[in-house]
């Protein structure tokens, strides 16, 4: 799931920097959390946590994905 979400977000991401991408993903998921209520809000909080764990553990593959997305 995380890899598929990373691929979708990397296509919409306007830059190539890994550090900027981390902020971009955090911002997108924070928007989802702020616009959600109840169980959906909890769901997106869990997704955000899993995404950041995935991003931190897979830096090299995400960096490669960002480079080929453009």
N, C-alpha and C. Protein backbone atom coordinates (compact mmCIF):
# COMPACT_ATOMS: atom_id res chain seq x y z
N UNK A 1 0.81 -1.19 0.00
CA UNK A 1 0.00 0.00 0.00
C UNK A 1 0.86 1.26 0.00
N UNK A 2 1.88 1.29 0.86
CA UNK A 2 2.70 2.48 0.96
C UNK A 2 3.42 2.80 -0.34
N UNK A 3 3.94 1.76 -1.00
CA UNK A 3 4.67 1.96 -2.25
C UNK A 3 3.76 2.55 -3.33
N UNK A 4 2.54 2.07 -3.40
CA UNK A 4 1.59 2.58 -4.39
C UNK A 4 1.27 4.05 -4.11
N UNK A 5 1.10 4.38 -2.85
CA UNK A 5 0.80 5.76 -2.47
C UNK A 5 1.99 6.67 -2.77
N UNK A 6 3.19 6.18 -2.53
CA UNK A 6 4.41 6.95 -2.84
C UNK A 6 4.48 7.23 -4.34
N UNK A 7 4.18 6.25 -5.16
CA UNK A 7 4.22 6.45 -6.61
C UNK A 7 3.21 7.49 -7.06
N UNK A 8 2.03 7.47 -6.49
CA UNK A 8 1.01 8.46 -6.83
C UNK A 8 1.46 9.85 -6.42
N UNK A 9 1.95 9.98 -5.18
CA UNK A 9 2.38 11.29 -4.69
C UNK A 9 3.61 11.80 -5.43
N UNK A 10 4.51 10.91 -5.82
CA UNK A 10 5.72 11.36 -6.51
C UNK A 10 5.39 11.94 -7.88
N UNK A 11 4.32 11.48 -8.51
CA UNK A 11 3.92 12.03 -9.81
C UNK A 11 3.38 13.44 -9.67
N UNK A 12 2.72 13.73 -8.53
CA UNK A 12 2.16 15.07 -8.28
C UNK A 12 3.17 16.02 -7.66
N UNK A 13 4.26 15.48 -7.12
CA UNK A 13 5.26 16.28 -6.42
C UNK A 13 6.03 17.15 -7.40
N UNK A 14 6.11 18.45 -7.15
CA UNK A 14 6.75 19.36 -8.11
C UNK A 14 8.28 19.39 -8.07
N UNK A 15 8.91 18.73 -7.11
CA UNK A 15 10.36 18.81 -7.00
C UNK A 15 11.03 17.46 -7.15
N UNK A 16 12.33 17.42 -6.80
CA UNK A 16 13.09 16.18 -6.86
C UNK A 16 13.80 15.85 -5.56
N UNK A 17 13.77 16.75 -4.61
CA UNK A 17 14.48 16.58 -3.35
C UNK A 17 13.73 15.63 -2.41
N UNK A 18 14.46 14.68 -1.86
CA UNK A 18 13.89 13.73 -0.91
C UNK A 18 13.34 14.46 0.32
N UNK A 19 14.10 15.41 0.83
CA UNK A 19 13.69 16.15 2.02
C UNK A 19 12.40 16.93 1.77
N UNK A 20 12.29 17.54 0.61
CA UNK A 20 11.06 18.27 0.27
C UNK A 20 9.89 17.32 0.10
N UNK A 21 10.17 16.14 -0.43
CA UNK A 21 9.11 15.15 -0.61
C UNK A 21 8.55 14.69 0.74
N UNK A 22 9.43 14.51 1.73
CA UNK A 22 8.97 14.13 3.06
C UNK A 22 7.98 15.17 3.59
N UNK A 23 8.32 16.45 3.44
CA UNK A 23 7.43 17.52 3.87
C UNK A 23 6.14 17.55 3.06
N UNK A 24 6.24 17.28 1.78
CA UNK A 24 5.07 17.26 0.90
C UNK A 24 4.09 16.17 1.33
N UNK A 25 4.59 14.97 1.59
CA UNK A 25 3.74 13.86 2.01
C UNK A 25 3.10 14.19 3.36
N UNK A 26 3.90 14.72 4.28
CA UNK A 26 3.37 15.08 5.60
C UNK A 26 2.25 16.12 5.46
N UNK A 27 2.47 17.11 4.61
CA UNK A 27 1.47 18.16 4.40
C UNK A 27 0.18 17.63 3.79
N UNK A 28 0.30 16.76 2.79
CA UNK A 28 -0.88 16.19 2.13
C UNK A 28 -1.70 15.36 3.12
N UNK A 29 -1.02 14.55 3.90
CA UNK A 29 -1.74 13.71 4.86
C UNK A 29 -2.30 14.53 6.02
N UNK A 30 -1.62 15.59 6.40
CA UNK A 30 -2.14 16.47 7.44
C UNK A 30 -3.42 17.15 6.96
N UNK A 31 -3.47 17.54 5.70
CA UNK A 31 -4.70 18.11 5.13
C UNK A 31 -5.85 17.11 5.22
N UNK A 32 -5.56 15.86 4.87
CA UNK A 32 -6.59 14.82 4.95
C UNK A 32 -7.09 14.67 6.39
N UNK A 33 -6.16 14.70 7.34
CA UNK A 33 -6.52 14.55 8.75
C UNK A 33 -7.39 15.71 9.20
N UNK A 34 -7.00 16.92 8.84
CA UNK A 34 -7.75 18.11 9.25
C UNK A 34 -9.15 18.15 8.65
N UNK A 35 -9.32 17.57 7.47
CA UNK A 35 -10.62 17.59 6.79
C UNK A 35 -11.48 16.37 7.12
N UNK A 36 -10.98 15.50 8.00
CA UNK A 36 -11.70 14.28 8.35
C UNK A 36 -12.22 14.36 9.78
N UNK A 37 -13.17 13.47 10.06
CA UNK A 37 -13.74 13.40 11.40
C UNK A 37 -13.85 11.95 11.83
N UNK A 38 -13.83 11.73 13.12
CA UNK A 38 -14.07 10.40 13.69
C UNK A 38 -13.07 9.35 13.26
N UNK A 39 -13.60 8.23 12.80
CA UNK A 39 -12.76 7.09 12.42
C UNK A 39 -11.88 7.40 11.21
N UNK A 40 -12.38 8.23 10.29
CA UNK A 40 -11.56 8.60 9.14
C UNK A 40 -10.32 9.37 9.58
N UNK A 41 -10.48 10.23 10.56
CA UNK A 41 -9.35 11.00 11.08
C UNK A 41 -8.30 10.06 11.67
N UNK A 42 -8.75 9.10 12.47
CA UNK A 42 -7.83 8.11 13.05
C UNK A 42 -7.13 7.30 11.96
N UNK A 43 -7.89 6.96 10.91
CA UNK A 43 -7.33 6.18 9.80
C UNK A 43 -6.19 6.95 9.13
N UNK A 44 -6.39 8.23 8.87
CA UNK A 44 -5.35 9.02 8.20
C UNK A 44 -4.15 9.29 9.12
N UNK A 45 -4.38 9.36 10.41
CA UNK A 45 -3.25 9.51 11.34
C UNK A 45 -2.37 8.26 11.27
N UNK A 46 -3.00 7.09 11.25
CA UNK A 46 -2.25 5.84 11.13
C UNK A 46 -1.54 5.74 9.80
N UNK A 47 -2.21 6.15 8.73
CA UNK A 47 -1.58 6.12 7.40
C UNK A 47 -0.37 7.05 7.38
N UNK A 48 -0.49 8.25 7.95
CA UNK A 48 0.63 9.19 7.98
C UNK A 48 1.82 8.59 8.72
N UNK A 49 1.57 7.94 9.84
CA UNK A 49 2.66 7.33 10.62
C UNK A 49 3.34 6.22 9.81
N UNK A 50 2.53 5.35 9.18
CA UNK A 50 3.11 4.26 8.38
C UNK A 50 3.87 4.80 7.17
N UNK A 51 3.35 5.85 6.55
CA UNK A 51 4.04 6.43 5.39
C UNK A 51 5.39 6.99 5.77
N UNK A 52 5.47 7.67 6.90
CA UNK A 52 6.75 8.22 7.31
C UNK A 52 7.75 7.14 7.69
N UNK A 53 7.29 6.07 8.31
CA UNK A 53 8.17 4.94 8.59
C UNK A 53 8.68 4.35 7.27
N UNK A 54 7.80 4.19 6.31
CA UNK A 54 8.17 3.64 5.01
C UNK A 54 9.17 4.56 4.29
N UNK A 55 8.89 5.84 4.31
CA UNK A 55 9.76 6.81 3.64
C UNK A 55 11.16 6.79 4.26
N UNK A 56 11.24 6.74 5.58
CA UNK A 56 12.54 6.73 6.24
C UNK A 56 13.32 5.45 5.97
N UNK A 57 12.63 4.34 5.88
CA UNK A 57 13.30 3.05 5.65
C UNK A 57 13.66 2.80 4.19
N UNK A 58 13.08 3.54 3.28
CA UNK A 58 13.27 3.30 1.85
C UNK A 58 13.74 4.54 1.11
N UNK A 59 14.66 5.26 1.71
CA UNK A 59 15.13 6.53 1.15
C UNK A 59 15.69 6.37 -0.27
N UNK A 60 16.53 5.38 -0.50
CA UNK A 60 17.17 5.25 -1.81
C UNK A 60 16.16 4.93 -2.91
N UNK A 61 15.22 4.04 -2.65
CA UNK A 61 14.24 3.70 -3.69
C UNK A 61 13.29 4.87 -3.95
N UNK A 62 12.97 5.64 -2.92
CA UNK A 62 12.10 6.80 -3.11
C UNK A 62 12.82 7.89 -3.88
N UNK A 63 14.09 8.09 -3.57
CA UNK A 63 14.88 9.06 -4.32
C UNK A 63 14.94 8.69 -5.80
N UNK A 64 15.13 7.41 -6.08
CA UNK A 64 15.15 6.95 -7.48
C UNK A 64 13.79 7.16 -8.14
N UNK A 65 12.72 6.90 -7.41
CA UNK A 65 11.36 7.10 -7.94
C UNK A 65 11.12 8.58 -8.26
N UNK A 66 11.60 9.46 -7.40
CA UNK A 66 11.43 10.90 -7.63
C UNK A 66 12.19 11.34 -8.87
N UNK A 67 13.37 10.80 -9.08
CA UNK A 67 14.17 11.18 -10.26
C UNK A 67 13.54 10.71 -11.55
N UNK A 68 12.93 9.53 -11.55
CA UNK A 68 12.35 9.04 -12.80
C UNK A 68 10.93 9.52 -13.02
N UNK A 69 10.31 10.12 -12.01
CA UNK A 69 8.95 10.63 -12.14
C UNK A 69 8.88 11.87 -13.04
N UNK A 70 9.99 12.53 -13.23
CA UNK A 70 10.00 13.76 -14.04
C UNK A 70 10.45 13.49 -15.45
